[in-house]
Amino acid sequence: DGDALGSQFGLKKSLELTFPKKHFFAIGEKDTPKNLRSFFPSFDEYEV
């Protein structure tokens, strides 16, 4: 929902600004609700 996505991307963006040398990944699928899709970026892939 909006809270899950907002906290995930909001915290990620803040951490990227605070720690510019580190790497942050928002893990997810293409399951963003229709009425929220225009607000959020795409998810990231991470290879362990």
ModelCIF file with pLDDT and N, C-alpha, C, O atoms, coordinates in Angstrom:
data_MODEL
#
_entry.id   MODEL 
#
_entity.id                         1 
_entity.type                       polymer 
_entity.pdbx_number_of_molecules   1 
#
_entity_poly.entity_id                      1 
_entity_poly.type                           'polypeptide(L)' 
_entity_poly.nstd_linkage                   no 
_entity_poly.nstd_monomer                   no 
_entity_poly.pdbx_seq_one_letter_code       DGDALGSQFGLKKSLELTFPKKHFFAIGEKDTPKNLRSFFPSFDEYEV 
_entity_poly.pdbx_seq_one_letter_code_can   DGDALGSQFGLKKSLELTFPKKHFFAIGEKDTPKNLRSFFPSFDEYEV 
_entity_poly.pdbx_strand_id                 A 
#
loop_
_entity_poly_seq.entity_id 
_entity_poly_seq.num 
_entity_poly_seq.mon_id 
_entity_poly_seq.hetero 
1 1  ASP n 
1 2  GLY n 
1 3  ASP n 
1 4  ALA n 
1 5  LEU n 
1 6  GLY n 
1 7  SER n 
1 8  GLN n 
1 9  PHE n 
1 10 GLY n 
1 11 LEU n 
1 12 LYS n 
1 13 LYS n 
1 14 SER n 
1 15 LEU n 
1 16 GLU n 
1 17 LEU n 
1 18 THR n 
1 19 PHE n 
1 20 PRO n 
1 21 LYS n 
1 22 LYS n 
1 23 HIS n 
1 24 PHE n 
1 25 PHE n 
1 26 ALA n 
1 27 ILE n 
1 28 GLY n 
1 29 GLU n 
1 30 LYS n 
1 31 ASP n 
1 32 THR n 
1 33 PRO n 
1 34 LYS n 
1 35 ASN n 
1 36 LEU n 
1 37 ARG n 
1 38 SER n 
1 39 PHE n 
1 40 PHE n 
1 41 PRO n 
1 42 SER n 
1 43 PHE n 
1 44 ASP n 
1 45 GLU n 
1 46 TYR n 
1 47 GLU n 
1 48 VAL n 
#
_struct_asym.id          A 
_struct_asym.entity_id   1 
#
loop_
_ma_qa_metric.id 
_ma_qa_metric.mode 
_ma_qa_metric.name 
_ma_qa_metric.software_group_id 
_ma_qa_metric.type 
1 global pLDDT . pLDDT 
2 local  pLDDT . pLDDT 
#
_ma_qa_metric_global.metric_id      1 
_ma_qa_metric_global.metric_value   91.58 
_ma_qa_metric_global.model_id       1 
_ma_qa_metric_global.ordinal_id     1 
#
loop_
_ma_qa_metric_local.label_asym_id 
_ma_qa_metric_local.label_comp_id 
_ma_qa_metric_local.label_seq_id 
_ma_qa_metric_local.metric_id 
_ma_qa_metric_local.metric_value 
_ma_qa_metric_local.model_id 
_ma_qa_metric_local.ordinal_id 
A ASP 1  2 89.00 1 1  
A GLY 2  2 92.00 1 2  
A ASP 3  2 95.00 1 3  
A ALA 4  2 95.00 1 4  
A LEU 5  2 96.00 1 5  
A GLY 6  2 96.00 1 6  
A SER 7  2 97.00 1 7  
A GLN 8  2 98.00 1 8  
A PHE 9  2 97.00 1 9  
A GLY 10 2 97.00 1 10 
A LEU 11 2 98.00 1 11 
A LYS 12 2 98.00 1 12 
A LYS 13 2 97.00 1 13 
A SER 14 2 97.00 1 14 
A LEU 15 2 97.00 1 15 
A GLU 16 2 97.00 1 16 
A LEU 17 2 96.00 1 17 
A THR 18 2 96.00 1 18 
A PHE 19 2 96.00 1 19 
A PRO 20 2 96.00 1 20 
A LYS 21 2 96.00 1 21 
A LYS 22 2 97.00 1 22 
A HIS 23 2 97.00 1 23 
A PHE 24 2 98.00 1 24 
A PHE 25 2 98.00 1 25 
A ALA 26 2 97.00 1 26 
A ILE 27 2 97.00 1 27 
A GLY 28 2 92.00 1 28 
A GLU 29 2 84.00 1 29 
A LYS 30 2 76.00 1 30 
A ASP 31 2 74.00 1 31 
A THR 32 2 78.00 1 32 
A PRO 33 2 76.00 1 33 
A LYS 34 2 73.00 1 34 
A ASN 35 2 74.00 1 35 
A LEU 36 2 82.00 1 36 
A ARG 37 2 82.00 1 37 
A SER 38 2 84.00 1 38 
A PHE 39 2 89.00 1 39 
A PHE 40 2 92.00 1 40 
A PRO 41 2 91.00 1 41 
A SER 42 2 91.00 1 42 
A PHE 43 2 95.00 1 43 
A ASP 44 2 94.00 1 44 
A GLU 45 2 92.00 1 45 
A TYR 46 2 95.00 1 46 
A GLU 47 2 91.00 1 47 
A VAL 48 2 91.00 1 48 
#
loop_
_atom_site.group_PDB 
_atom_site.id 
_atom_site.type_symbol 
_atom_site.label_atom_id 
_atom_site.label_alt_id 
_atom_site.label_comp_id 
_atom_site.label_asym_id 
_atom_site.label_entity_id 
_atom_site.label_seq_id 
_atom_site.pdbx_PDB_ins_code 
_atom_site.Cartn_x 
_atom_site.Cartn_y 
_atom_site.Cartn_z 
_atom_site.occupancy 
_atom_site.B_iso_or_equiv 
_atom_site.pdbx_formal_charge 
_atom_site.auth_seq_id 
_atom_site.auth_comp_id 
_atom_site.auth_asym_id 
_atom_site.auth_atom_id 
_atom_site.pdbx_PDB_model_num 
ATOM 1   N N  . ASP A 1 1  ? 0.856  -1.182  0.000   1.00 89.00 ? 1  ASP A N  1 
ATOM 2   C CA . ASP A 1 1  ? 0.000  0.000   0.000   1.00 89.00 ? 1  ASP A CA 1 
ATOM 3   C C  . ASP A 1 1  ? 0.894  1.235   0.000   1.00 89.00 ? 1  ASP A C  1 
ATOM 4   O O  . ASP A 1 1  ? 2.113  1.121   -0.131  1.00 89.00 ? 1  ASP A O  1 
ATOM 5   N N  . GLY A 1 2  ? 0.296  2.403   0.146   1.00 92.00 ? 2  GLY A N  1 
ATOM 6   C CA . GLY A 1 2  ? 1.079  3.633   0.102   1.00 92.00 ? 2  GLY A CA 1 
ATOM 7   C C  . GLY A 1 2  ? 2.097  3.736   1.208   1.00 92.00 ? 2  GLY A C  1 
ATOM 8   O O  . GLY A 1 2  ? 3.179  4.285   1.002   1.00 92.00 ? 2  GLY A O  1 
ATOM 9   N N  . ASP A 1 3  ? 1.772  3.214   2.396   1.00 95.00 ? 3  ASP A N  1 
ATOM 10  C CA . ASP A 1 3  ? 2.705  3.294   3.524   1.00 95.00 ? 3  ASP A CA 1 
ATOM 11  C C  . ASP A 1 3  ? 3.915  2.405   3.310   1.00 95.00 ? 3  ASP A C  1 
ATOM 12  O O  . ASP A 1 3  ? 5.045  2.813   3.581   1.00 95.00 ? 3  ASP A O  1 
ATOM 13  N N  . ALA A 1 4  ? 3.685  1.184   2.823   1.00 95.00 ? 4  ALA A N  1 
ATOM 14  C CA . ALA A 1 4  ? 4.795  0.268   2.557   1.00 95.00 ? 4  ALA A CA 1 
ATOM 15  C C  . ALA A 1 4  ? 5.740  0.852   1.503   1.00 95.00 ? 4  ALA A C  1 
ATOM 16  O O  . ALA A 1 4  ? 6.958  0.841   1.676   1.00 95.00 ? 4  ALA A O  1 
ATOM 17  N N  . LEU A 1 5  ? 5.170  1.357   0.422   1.00 96.00 ? 5  LEU A N  1 
ATOM 18  C CA . LEU A 1 5  ? 5.981  1.921   -0.658  1.00 96.00 ? 5  LEU A CA 1 
ATOM 19  C C  . LEU A 1 5  ? 6.608  3.248   -0.249  1.00 96.00 ? 5  LEU A C  1 
ATOM 20  O O  . LEU A 1 5  ? 7.775  3.505   -0.545  1.00 96.00 ? 5  LEU A O  1 
ATOM 21  N N  . GLY A 1 6  ? 5.835  4.090   0.429   1.00 96.00 ? 6  GLY A N  1 
ATOM 22  C CA . GLY A 1 6  ? 6.340  5.401   0.836   1.00 96.00 ? 6  GLY A CA 1 
ATOM 23  C C  . GLY A 1 6  ? 7.492  5.294   1.797   1.00 96.00 ? 6  GLY A C  1 
ATOM 24  O O  . GLY A 1 6  ? 8.473  6.027   1.669   1.00 96.00 ? 6  GLY A O  1 
ATOM 25  N N  . SER A 1 7  ? 7.397  4.383   2.776   1.00 97.00 ? 7  SER A N  1 
ATOM 26  C CA . SER A 1 7  ? 8.480  4.216   3.740   1.00 97.00 ? 7  SER A CA 1 
ATOM 27  C C  . SER A 1 7  ? 9.695  3.573   3.088   1.00 97.00 ? 7  SER A C  1 
ATOM 28  O O  . SER A 1 7  ? 10.830 3.930   3.402   1.00 97.00 ? 7  SER A O  1 
ATOM 29  N N  . GLN A 1 8  ? 9.465  2.625   2.181   1.00 98.00 ? 8  GLN A N  1 
ATOM 30  C CA . GLN A 1 8  ? 10.573 1.951   1.501   1.00 98.00 ? 8  GLN A CA 1 
ATOM 31  C C  . GLN A 1 8  ? 11.373 2.929   0.638   1.00 98.00 ? 8  GLN A C  1 
ATOM 32  O O  . GLN A 1 8  ? 12.597 3.003   0.748   1.00 98.00 ? 8  GLN A O  1 
ATOM 33  N N  . PHE A 1 9  ? 10.678 3.674   -0.217  1.00 97.00 ? 9  PHE A N  1 
ATOM 34  C CA . PHE A 1 9  ? 11.386 4.593   -1.113  1.00 97.00 ? 9  PHE A CA 1 
ATOM 35  C C  . PHE A 1 9  ? 11.792 5.885   -0.419  1.00 97.00 ? 9  PHE A C  1 
ATOM 36  O O  . PHE A 1 9  ? 12.814 6.478   -0.763  1.00 97.00 ? 9  PHE A O  1 
ATOM 37  N N  . GLY A 1 10 ? 10.996 6.329   0.561   1.00 97.00 ? 10 GLY A N  1 
ATOM 38  C CA . GLY A 1 10 ? 11.353 7.541   1.294   1.00 97.00 ? 10 GLY A CA 1 
ATOM 39  C C  . GLY A 1 10 ? 12.627 7.351   2.098   1.00 97.00 ? 10 GLY A C  1 
ATOM 40  O O  . GLY A 1 10 ? 13.506 8.213   2.090   1.00 97.00 ? 10 GLY A O  1 
ATOM 41  N N  . LEU A 1 11 ? 12.730 6.216   2.796   1.00 98.00 ? 11 LEU A N  1 
ATOM 42  C CA . LEU A 1 11 ? 13.940 5.936   3.567   1.00 98.00 ? 11 LEU A CA 1 
ATOM 43  C C  . LEU A 1 11 ? 15.131 5.697   2.641   1.00 98.00 ? 11 LEU A C  1 
ATOM 44  O O  . LEU A 1 11 ? 16.239 6.158   2.916   1.00 98.00 ? 11 LEU A O  1 
ATOM 45  N N  . LYS A 1 12 ? 14.900 4.981   1.553   1.00 98.00 ? 12 LYS A N  1 
ATOM 46  C CA . LYS A 1 12 ? 15.999 4.731   0.605   1.00 98.00 ? 12 LYS A CA 1 
ATOM 47  C C  . LYS A 1 12 ? 16.576 6.039   0.083   1.00 98.00 ? 12 LYS A C  1 
ATOM 48  O O  . LYS A 1 12 ? 17.794 6.212   0.065   1.00 98.00 ? 12 LYS A O  1 
ATOM 49  N N  . LYS A 1 13 ? 15.728 6.952   -0.336  1.00 97.00 ? 13 LYS A N  1 
ATOM 50  C CA . LYS A 1 13 ? 16.200 8.224   -0.888  1.00 97.00 ? 13 LYS A CA 1 
ATOM 51  C C  . LYS A 1 13 ? 16.966 9.025   0.159   1.00 97.00 ? 13 LYS A C  1 
ATOM 52  O O  . LYS A 1 13 ? 17.998 9.623   -0.147  1.00 97.00 ? 13 LYS A O  1 
ATOM 53  N N  . SER A 1 14 ? 16.468 9.039   1.385   1.00 97.00 ? 14 SER A N  1 
ATOM 54  C CA . SER A 1 14 ? 17.154 9.758   2.462   1.00 97.00 ? 14 SER A CA 1 
ATOM 55  C C  . SER A 1 14 ? 18.521 9.143   2.754   1.00 97.00 ? 14 SER A C  1 
ATOM 56  O O  . SER A 1 14 ? 19.504 9.859   2.952   1.00 97.00 ? 14 SER A O  1 
ATOM 57  N N  . LEU A 1 15 ? 18.575 7.806   2.778   1.00 97.00 ? 15 LEU A N  1 
ATOM 58  C CA . LEU A 1 15 ? 19.844 7.128   3.044   1.00 97.00 ? 15 LEU A CA 1 
ATOM 59  C C  . LEU A 1 15 ? 20.845 7.355   1.914   1.00 97.00 ? 15 LEU A C  1 
ATOM 60  O O  . LEU A 1 15 ? 22.043 7.492   2.163   1.00 97.00 ? 15 LEU A O  1 
ATOM 61  N N  . GLU A 1 16 ? 20.360 7.396   0.679   1.00 97.00 ? 16 GLU A N  1 
ATOM 62  C CA . GLU A 1 16 ? 21.253 7.660   -0.451  1.00 97.00 ? 16 GLU A CA 1 
ATOM 63  C C  . GLU A 1 16 ? 21.894 9.041   -0.339  1.00 97.00 ? 16 GLU A C  1 
ATOM 64  O O  . GLU A 1 16 ? 23.062 9.219   -0.684  1.00 97.00 ? 16 GLU A O  1 
ATOM 65  N N  . LEU A 1 17 ? 21.131 10.009  0.141   1.00 96.00 ? 17 LEU A N  1 
ATOM 66  C CA . LEU A 1 17 ? 21.666 11.361  0.314   1.00 96.00 ? 17 LEU A CA 1 
ATOM 67  C C  . LEU A 1 17 ? 22.639 11.433  1.482   1.00 96.00 ? 17 LEU A C  1 
ATOM 68  O O  . LEU A 1 17 ? 23.625 12.169  1.439   1.00 96.00 ? 17 LEU A O  1 
ATOM 69  N N  . THR A 1 18 ? 22.349 10.657  2.532   1.00 96.00 ? 18 THR A N  1 
ATOM 70  C CA . THR A 1 18 ? 23.175 10.692  3.739   1.00 96.00 ? 18 THR A CA 1 
ATOM 71  C C  . THR A 1 18 ? 24.457 9.878   3.581   1.00 96.00 ? 18 THR A C  1 
ATOM 72  O O  . THR A 1 18 ? 25.507 10.250  4.106   1.00 96.00 ? 18 THR A O  1 
ATOM 73  N N  . PHE A 1 19 ? 24.363 8.764   2.853   1.00 96.00 ? 19 PHE A N  1 
ATOM 74  C CA . PHE A 1 19 ? 25.510 7.874   2.652   1.00 96.00 ? 19 PHE A CA 1 
ATOM 75  C C  . PHE A 1 19 ? 25.743 7.685   1.149   1.00 96.00 ? 19 PHE A C  1 
ATOM 76  O O  . PHE A 1 19 ? 25.442 6.618   0.614   1.00 96.00 ? 19 PHE A O  1 
ATOM 77  N N  . PRO A 1 20 ? 26.271 8.697   0.463   1.00 96.00 ? 20 PRO A N  1 
ATOM 78  C CA . PRO A 1 20 ? 26.384 8.641   -1.002  1.00 96.00 ? 20 PRO A CA 1 
ATOM 79  C C  . PRO A 1 20 ? 27.327 7.563   -1.545  1.00 96.00 ? 20 PRO A C  1 
ATOM 80  O O  . PRO A 1 20 ? 27.260 7.231   -2.728  1.00 96.00 ? 20 PRO A O  1 
ATOM 81  N N  . LYS A 1 21 ? 28.194 7.020   -0.707  1.00 96.00 ? 21 LYS A N  1 
ATOM 82  C CA . LYS A 1 21 ? 29.142 6.000   -1.174  1.00 96.00 ? 21 LYS A CA 1 
ATOM 83  C C  . LYS A 1 21 ? 28.613 4.584   -0.988  1.00 96.00 ? 21 LYS A C  1 
ATOM 84  O O  . LYS A 1 21 ? 29.248 3.627   -1.430  1.00 96.00 ? 21 LYS A O  1 
ATOM 85  N N  . LYS A 1 22 ? 27.480 4.440   -0.352  1.00 97.00 ? 22 LYS A N  1 
ATOM 86  C CA . LYS A 1 22 ? 26.901 3.118   -0.132  1.00 97.00 ? 22 LYS A CA 1 
ATOM 87  C C  . LYS A 1 22 ? 25.850 2.800   -1.194  1.00 97.00 ? 22 LYS A C  1 
ATOM 88  O O  . LYS A 1 22 ? 25.450 3.668   -1.970  1.00 97.00 ? 22 LYS A O  1 
ATOM 89  N N  . HIS A 1 23 ? 25.413 1.547   -1.215  1.00 97.00 ? 23 HIS A N  1 
ATOM 90  C CA . HIS A 1 23 ? 24.476 1.101   -2.246  1.00 97.00 ? 23 HIS A CA 1 
ATOM 91  C C  . HIS A 1 23 ? 23.177 0.629   -1.580  1.00 97.00 ? 23 HIS A C  1 
ATOM 92  O O  . HIS A 1 23 ? 23.191 -0.231  -0.700  1.00 97.00 ? 23 HIS A O  1 
ATOM 93  N N  . PHE A 1 24 ? 22.068 1.207   -2.016  1.00 98.00 ? 24 PHE A N  1 
ATOM 94  C CA . PHE A 1 24 ? 20.769 0.891   -1.432  1.00 98.00 ? 24 PHE A CA 1 
ATOM 95  C C  . PHE A 1 24 ? 19.848 0.313   -2.507  1.00 98.00 ? 24 PHE A C  1 
ATOM 96  O O  . PHE A 1 24 ? 19.809 0.797   -3.638  1.00 98.00 ? 24 PHE A O  1 
ATOM 97  N N  . PHE A 1 25 ? 19.111 -0.727  -2.131  1.00 98.00 ? 25 PHE A N  1 
ATOM 98  C CA . PHE A 1 25 ? 18.273 -1.442  -3.087  1.00 98.00 ? 25 PHE A CA 1 
ATOM 99  C C  . PHE A 1 25 ? 16.853 -1.598  -2.529  1.00 98.00 ? 25 PHE A C  1 
ATOM 100 O O  . PHE A 1 25 ? 16.663 -2.165  -1.453  1.00 98.00 ? 25 PHE A O  1 
ATOM 101 N N  . ALA A 1 26 ? 15.867 -1.096  -3.262  1.00 97.00 ? 26 ALA A N  1 
ATOM 102 C CA . ALA A 1 26 ? 14.463 -1.295  -2.911  1.00 97.00 ? 26 ALA A CA 1 
ATOM 103 C C  . ALA A 1 26 ? 13.993 -2.570  -3.594  1.00 97.00 ? 26 ALA A C  1 
ATOM 104 O O  . ALA A 1 26 ? 13.847 -2.611  -4.816  1.00 97.00 ? 26 ALA A O  1 
ATOM 105 N N  . ILE A 1 27 ? 13.757 -3.608  -2.806  1.00 97.00 ? 27 ILE A N  1 
ATOM 106 C CA . ILE A 1 27 ? 13.410 -4.919  -3.352  1.00 97.00 ? 27 ILE A CA 1 
ATOM 107 C C  . ILE A 1 27 ? 11.896 -5.026  -3.510  1.00 97.00 ? 27 ILE A C  1 
ATOM 108 O O  . ILE A 1 27 ? 11.142 -4.731  -2.583  1.00 97.00 ? 27 ILE A O  1 
ATOM 109 N N  . GLY A 1 28 ? 11.462 -5.453  -4.700  1.00 92.00 ? 28 GLY A N  1 
ATOM 110 C CA . GLY A 1 28 ? 10.030 -5.567  -4.923  1.00 92.00 ? 28 GLY A CA 1 
ATOM 111 C C  . GLY A 1 28 ? 9.703  -6.177  -6.262  1.00 92.00 ? 28 GLY A C  1 
ATOM 112 O O  . GLY A 1 28 ? 10.589 -6.514  -7.048  1.00 92.00 ? 28 GLY A O  1 
ATOM 113 N N  . GLU A 1 29 ? 8.415  -6.313  -6.511  1.00 84.00 ? 29 GLU A N  1 
ATOM 114 C CA . GLU A 1 29 ? 7.904  -6.815  -7.768  1.00 84.00 ? 29 GLU A CA 1 
ATOM 115 C C  . GLU A 1 29 ? 7.049  -5.737  -8.416  1.00 84.00 ? 29 GLU A C  1 
ATOM 116 O O  . GLU A 1 29 ? 6.892  -4.644  -7.872  1.00 84.00 ? 29 GLU A O  1 
ATOM 117 N N  . LYS A 1 30 ? 6.506  -6.050  -9.569  1.00 76.00 ? 30 LYS A N  1 
ATOM 118 C CA . LYS A 1 30 ? 5.629  -5.100  -10.246 1.00 76.00 ? 30 LYS A CA 1 
ATOM 119 C C  . LYS A 1 30 ? 4.212  -5.247  -9.704  1.00 76.00 ? 30 LYS A C  1 
ATOM 120 O O  . LYS A 1 30 ? 3.290  -5.646  -10.415 1.00 76.00 ? 30 LYS A O  1 
ATOM 121 N N  . ASP A 1 31 ? 4.066  -4.909  -8.408  1.00 74.00 ? 31 ASP A N  1 
ATOM 122 C CA . ASP A 1 31 ? 2.773  -5.098  -7.759  1.00 74.00 ? 31 ASP A CA 1 
ATOM 123 C C  . ASP A 1 31 ? 2.253  -3.819  -7.129  1.00 74.00 ? 31 ASP A C  1 
ATOM 124 O O  . ASP A 1 31 ? 1.430  -3.867  -6.215  1.00 74.00 ? 31 ASP A O  1 
ATOM 125 N N  . THR A 1 32 ? 2.726  -2.673  -7.611  1.00 78.00 ? 32 THR A N  1 
ATOM 126 C CA . THR A 1 32 ? 2.259  -1.391  -7.087  1.00 78.00 ? 32 THR A CA 1 
ATOM 127 C C  . THR A 1 32 ? 0.803  -1.147  -7.497  1.00 78.00 ? 32 THR A C  1 
ATOM 128 O O  . THR A 1 32 ? 0.469  -1.298  -8.672  1.00 78.00 ? 32 THR A O  1 
ATOM 129 N N  . PRO A 1 33 ? -0.067 -0.773  -6.555  1.00 76.00 ? 33 PRO A N  1 
ATOM 130 C CA . PRO A 1 33 ? -1.474 -0.515  -6.897  1.00 76.00 ? 33 PRO A CA 1 
ATOM 131 C C  . PRO A 1 33 ? -1.610 0.535   -7.997  1.00 76.00 ? 33 PRO A C  1 
ATOM 132 O O  . PRO A 1 33 ? -0.784 1.437   -8.127  1.00 76.00 ? 33 PRO A O  1 
ATOM 133 N N  . LYS A 1 34 ? -2.660 0.393   -8.773  1.00 73.00 ? 34 LYS A N  1 
ATOM 134 C CA . LYS A 1 34 ? -2.892 1.238   -9.942  1.00 73.00 ? 34 LYS A CA 1 
ATOM 135 C C  . LYS A 1 34 ? -2.857 2.726   -9.614  1.00 73.00 ? 34 LYS A C  1 
ATOM 136 O O  . LYS A 1 34 ? -2.278 3.511   -10.364 1.00 73.00 ? 34 LYS A O  1 
ATOM 137 N N  . ASN A 1 35 ? -3.481 3.127   -8.480  1.00 74.00 ? 35 ASN A N  1 
ATOM 138 C CA . ASN A 1 35 ? -3.575 4.551   -8.167  1.00 74.00 ? 35 ASN A CA 1 
ATOM 139 C C  . ASN A 1 35 ? -2.290 5.128   -7.580  1.00 74.00 ? 35 ASN A C  1 
ATOM 140 O O  . ASN A 1 35 ? -2.233 6.319   -7.277  1.00 74.00 ? 35 ASN A O  1 
ATOM 141 N N  . LEU A 1 36 ? -1.252 4.296   -7.415  1.00 82.00 ? 36 LEU A N  1 
ATOM 142 C CA . LEU A 1 36 ? 0.013  4.774   -6.854  1.00 82.00 ? 36 LEU A CA 1 
ATOM 143 C C  . LEU A 1 36 ? 1.186  4.665   -7.831  1.00 82.00 ? 36 LEU A C  1 
ATOM 144 O O  . LEU A 1 36 ? 2.282  5.142   -7.539  1.00 82.00 ? 36 LEU A O  1 
ATOM 145 N N  . ARG A 1 37 ? 0.962  4.049   -8.973  1.00 82.00 ? 37 ARG A N  1 
ATOM 146 C CA . ARG A 1 37 ? 2.063  3.743   -9.885  1.00 82.00 ? 37 ARG A CA 1 
ATOM 147 C C  . ARG A 1 37 ? 2.813  4.970   -10.383 1.00 82.00 ? 37 ARG A C  1 
ATOM 148 O O  . ARG A 1 37 ? 4.020  4.911   -10.620 1.00 82.00 ? 37 ARG A O  1 
ATOM 149 N N  . SER A 1 38 ? 2.106  6.074   -10.540 1.00 84.00 ? 38 SER A N  1 
ATOM 150 C CA . SER A 1 38 ? 2.757  7.271   -11.091 1.00 84.00 ? 38 SER A CA 1 
ATOM 151 C C  . SER A 1 38 ? 3.692  7.942   -10.090 1.00 84.00 ? 38 SER A C  1 
ATOM 152 O O  . SER A 1 38 ? 4.500  8.790   -10.469 1.00 84.00 ? 38 SER A O  1 
ATOM 153 N N  . PHE A 1 39 ? 3.590  7.568   -8.812  1.00 89.00 ? 39 PHE A N  1 
ATOM 154 C CA . PHE A 1 39 ? 4.374  8.242   -7.779  1.00 89.00 ? 39 PHE A CA 1 
ATOM 155 C C  . PHE A 1 39 ? 5.742  7.620   -7.515  1.00 89.00 ? 39 PHE A C  1 
ATOM 156 O O  . PHE A 1 39 ? 6.671  8.316   -7.107  1.00 89.00 ? 39 PHE A O  1 
ATOM 157 N N  . PHE A 1 40 ? 5.871  6.322   -7.744  1.00 92.00 ? 40 PHE A N  1 
ATOM 158 C CA . PHE A 1 40 ? 7.069  5.624   -7.278  1.00 92.00 ? 40 PHE A CA 1 
ATOM 159 C C  . PHE A 1 40 ? 7.932  5.108   -8.434  1.00 92.00 ? 40 PHE A C  1 
ATOM 160 O O  . PHE A 1 40 ? 7.416  4.781   -9.503  1.00 92.00 ? 40 PHE A O  1 
ATOM 161 N N  . PRO A 1 41 ? 9.250  5.037   -8.211  1.00 91.00 ? 41 PRO A N  1 
ATOM 162 C CA . PRO A 1 41 ? 10.160 4.521   -9.243  1.00 91.00 ? 41 PRO A CA 1 
ATOM 163 C C  . PRO A 1 41 ? 10.109 3.000   -9.313  1.00 91.00 ? 41 PRO A C  1 
ATOM 164 O O  . PRO A 1 41 ? 9.372  2.364   -8.559  1.00 91.00 ? 41 PRO A O  1 
ATOM 165 N N  . SER A 1 42 ? 10.883 2.427   -10.208 1.00 91.00 ? 42 SER A N  1 
ATOM 166 C CA . SER A 1 42 ? 10.927 0.968   -10.338 1.00 91.00 ? 42 SER A CA 1 
ATOM 167 C C  . SER A 1 42 ? 11.771 0.370   -9.216  1.00 91.00 ? 42 SER A C  1 
ATOM 168 O O  . SER A 1 42 ? 12.556 1.064   -8.570  1.00 91.00 ? 42 SER A O  1 
ATOM 169 N N  . PHE A 1 43 ? 11.594 -0.921  -9.000  1.00 95.00 ? 43 PHE A N  1 
ATOM 170 C CA . PHE A 1 43 ? 12.339 -1.599  -7.953  1.00 95.00 ? 43 PHE A CA 1 
ATOM 171 C C  . PHE A 1 43 ? 13.725 -1.995  -8.456  1.00 95.00 ? 43 PHE A C  1 
ATOM 172 O O  . PHE A 1 43 ? 14.007 -1.952  -9.654  1.00 95.00 ? 43 PHE A O  1 
ATOM 173 N N  . ASP A 1 44 ? 14.578 -2.381  -7.513  1.00 94.00 ? 44 ASP A N  1 
ATOM 174 C CA . ASP A 1 44 ? 15.962 -2.720  -7.838  1.00 94.00 ? 44 ASP A CA 1 
ATOM 175 C C  . ASP A 1 44 ? 16.176 -4.231  -7.807  1.00 94.00 ? 44 ASP A C  1 
ATOM 176 O O  . ASP A 1 44 ? 15.463 -4.960  -7.118  1.00 94.00 ? 44 ASP A O  1 
ATOM 177 N N  . GLU A 1 45 ? 17.166 -4.683  -8.562  1.00 92.00 ? 45 GLU A N  1 
ATOM 178 C CA . GLU A 1 45 ? 17.568 -6.087  -8.519  1.00 92.00 ? 45 GLU A CA 1 
ATOM 179 C C  . GLU A 1 45 ? 18.886 -6.192  -7.755  1.00 92.00 ? 45 GLU A C  1 
ATOM 180 O O  . GLU A 1 45 ? 19.736 -5.304  -7.827  1.00 92.00 ? 45 GLU A O  1 
ATOM 181 N N  . TYR A 1 46 ? 19.036 -7.286  -7.027  1.00 95.00 ? 46 TYR A N  1 
ATOM 182 C CA . TYR A 1 46 ? 20.259 -7.479  -6.241  1.00 95.00 ? 46 TYR A CA 1 
ATOM 183 C C  . TYR A 1 46 ? 20.722 -8.920  -6.383  1.00 95.00 ? 46 TYR A C  1 
ATOM 184 O O  . TYR A 1 46 ? 19.955 -9.858  -6.164  1.00 95.00 ? 46 TYR A O  1 
ATOM 185 N N  . GLU A 1 47 ? 21.987 -9.084  -6.754  1.00 91.00 ? 47 GLU A N  1 
ATOM 186 C CA . GLU A 1 47 ? 22.577 -10.409 -6.878  1.00 91.00 ? 47 GLU A CA 1 
ATOM 187 C C  . GLU A 1 47 ? 23.476 -10.666 -5.680  1.00 91.00 ? 47 GLU A C  1 
ATOM 188 O O  . GLU A 1 47 ? 24.456 -9.955  -5.458  1.00 91.00 ? 47 GLU A O  1 
ATOM 189 N N  . VAL A 1 48 ? 23.134 -11.678 -4.920  1.00 91.00 ? 48 VAL A N  1 
ATOM 190 C CA . VAL A 1 48 ? 23.877 -11.973 -3.695  1.00 91.00 ? 48 VAL A CA 1 
ATOM 191 C C  . VAL A 1 48 ? 25.288 -12.450 -4.012  1.00 91.00 ? 48 VAL A C  1 
ATOM 192 O O  . VAL A 1 48 ? 26.060 -12.745 -3.099  1.00 91.00 ? 48 VAL A O  1 
#
